[in-house]
Protein backbone atom coordinates (compact mmCIF):
# COMPACT_ATOMS: atom_id res chain seq x y z
CA MET A 1 6.33 14.61 -14.89
CA LYS A 2 6.47 10.68 -15.13
CA ARG A 3 3.06 8.64 -15.56
CA PHE A 4 2.19 6.38 -13.00
CA ASP A 5 2.98 3.24 -15.14
CA ASP A 6 6.49 4.79 -15.97
CA MET A 7 7.65 4.56 -12.10
CA SER A 8 9.44 1.81 -10.96
CA THR A 9 10.17 0.52 -7.01
CA GLU A 10 13.31 -1.76 -8.44
CA THR A 11 15.31 -2.38 -5.75
CA GLY A 12 17.49 -5.10 -4.39
CA GLU A 13 15.48 -8.49 -3.82
CA ARG A 14 14.83 -8.81 -0.46
CA ARG A 15 11.41 -10.60 -0.67
CA ARG A 16 10.48 -14.01 0.19
CA GLN A 17 7.90 -14.40 -2.67
CA ARG A 18 8.62 -13.84 -6.16
CA ARG A 19 6.96 -10.78 -7.93
CA ALA A 20 5.34 -10.57 -11.32
CA THR A 21 5.05 -7.03 -12.99
CA ASN A 22 1.65 -5.91 -13.26
CA ARG A 23 0.54 -2.63 -14.80
CA GLY A 24 -3.10 -3.03 -14.60
CA ASN A 25 -5.41 -0.90 -12.50
CA VAL A 26 -5.79 -1.15 -8.74
CA LYS A 27 -8.31 -0.10 -6.28
CA LEU A 28 -8.17 0.13 -2.64
CA GLN A 29 -11.18 -0.21 -0.25
CA VAL A 30 -10.03 0.85 3.67
CA GLU A 31 -12.38 -1.31 5.83
CA THR A 32 -10.47 -0.10 9.24
CA GLN A 33 -12.56 2.92 10.38
CA GLU A 34 -10.52 4.19 13.31
CA LEU A 35 -6.97 3.05 14.45
CA GLU A 36 -5.73 4.11 17.91
CA GLY A 37 -2.25 4.26 19.28
CA HIS A 38 0.62 6.51 20.75
CA ALA A 39 2.11 9.59 19.47
CA ASP A 40 5.87 9.31 18.90
CA ASN A 41 6.37 12.92 17.59
CA VAL A 42 3.90 15.72 16.38
CA SER A 43 5.04 18.69 14.18
CA PRO A 44 3.04 21.25 12.51
CA THR A 45 2.68 19.46 9.39
CA GLY A 46 2.04 15.75 10.73
CA VAL A 47 2.40 13.00 13.31
CA LEU A 48 3.90 9.71 13.79
CA PHE A 49 2.57 7.24 16.06
CA PHE A 50 2.46 3.84 16.63
CA SER A 51 -0.52 1.29 16.82
CA GLU A 52 -1.09 -2.21 17.64
CA GLY A 53 -4.00 -2.26 15.16
CA ASP A 54 -3.98 -3.18 11.37
CA LEU A 55 -5.18 -0.79 8.88
CA ARG A 56 -7.45 -3.34 6.86
CA VAL A 57 -8.12 -3.12 3.23
CA THR A 58 -9.73 -4.97 0.38
CA VAL A 59 -7.84 -4.46 -2.92
CA GLU A 60 -9.50 -5.04 -6.50
CA ILE A 61 -6.54 -6.06 -9.04
CA ASP A 62 -7.03 -6.39 -12.90
CA GLU A 63 -5.04 -9.05 -13.98
CA ASP A 64 -4.92 -10.28 -17.64
CA GLY A 65 -8.63 -8.94 -18.30
CA LYS A 66 -9.91 -10.49 -15.00
CA THR A 67 -10.58 -8.68 -11.81
CA ARG A 68 -9.69 -10.27 -8.46
CA LYS A 69 -10.61 -9.19 -4.95
CA VAL A 70 -7.88 -9.69 -2.03
CA THR A 71 -8.16 -8.76 1.59
CA GLY A 72 -5.06 -7.73 3.42
CA ARG A 73 -3.40 -4.77 5.64
CA LEU A 74 -1.92 -1.72 4.73
CA VAL A 75 1.88 -2.04 5.65
CA ARG A 76 3.60 1.12 4.15
CA ALA A 77 2.63 4.11 2.24
CA GLN A 78 5.49 6.58 1.05
CA ARG A 79 5.07 9.49 -0.90
CA MET A 80 7.42 9.05 -3.90
CA ARG A 81 7.45 12.28 -6.07
CA GLY A 82 5.57 15.07 -5.93
CA ASP A 83 1.65 14.16 -5.36
CA SER A 84 2.17 10.35 -6.11
CA PHE A 85 2.43 8.01 -3.20
CA GLY A 86 3.23 4.26 -3.37
CA TRP A 87 1.19 1.87 -1.19
CA ALA A 88 2.21 -1.46 0.03
CA VAL A 89 -0.57 -4.13 1.11
CA GLU A 90 0.46 -7.62 2.94
CA PHE A 91 -2.29 -9.63 1.49
CA ASP A 92 -4.17 -12.18 4.09
CA PRO A 93 -2.90 -15.96 3.59
CA ALA A 94 -5.05 -17.83 1.03
């Protein structure tokens, strides 16, 4: 089984901002208590729904021995393999 620090999401570069590799710890706190939306489809194992609201979060990131806190919104959650997940957060403008 691969460890989290061995996993990579390397893809073709489509992003507007340059990325820096960081293998430090991250802690995510969910600020939004509730989201309301409209179901697209429902199955016995889950639901896909759409919402106008953001899932607001605060992220603590360890970088070079320092911890910084950044607010933003969760923009993607994806099961990577087995029980591991990838979480993408778009930071608020500085």
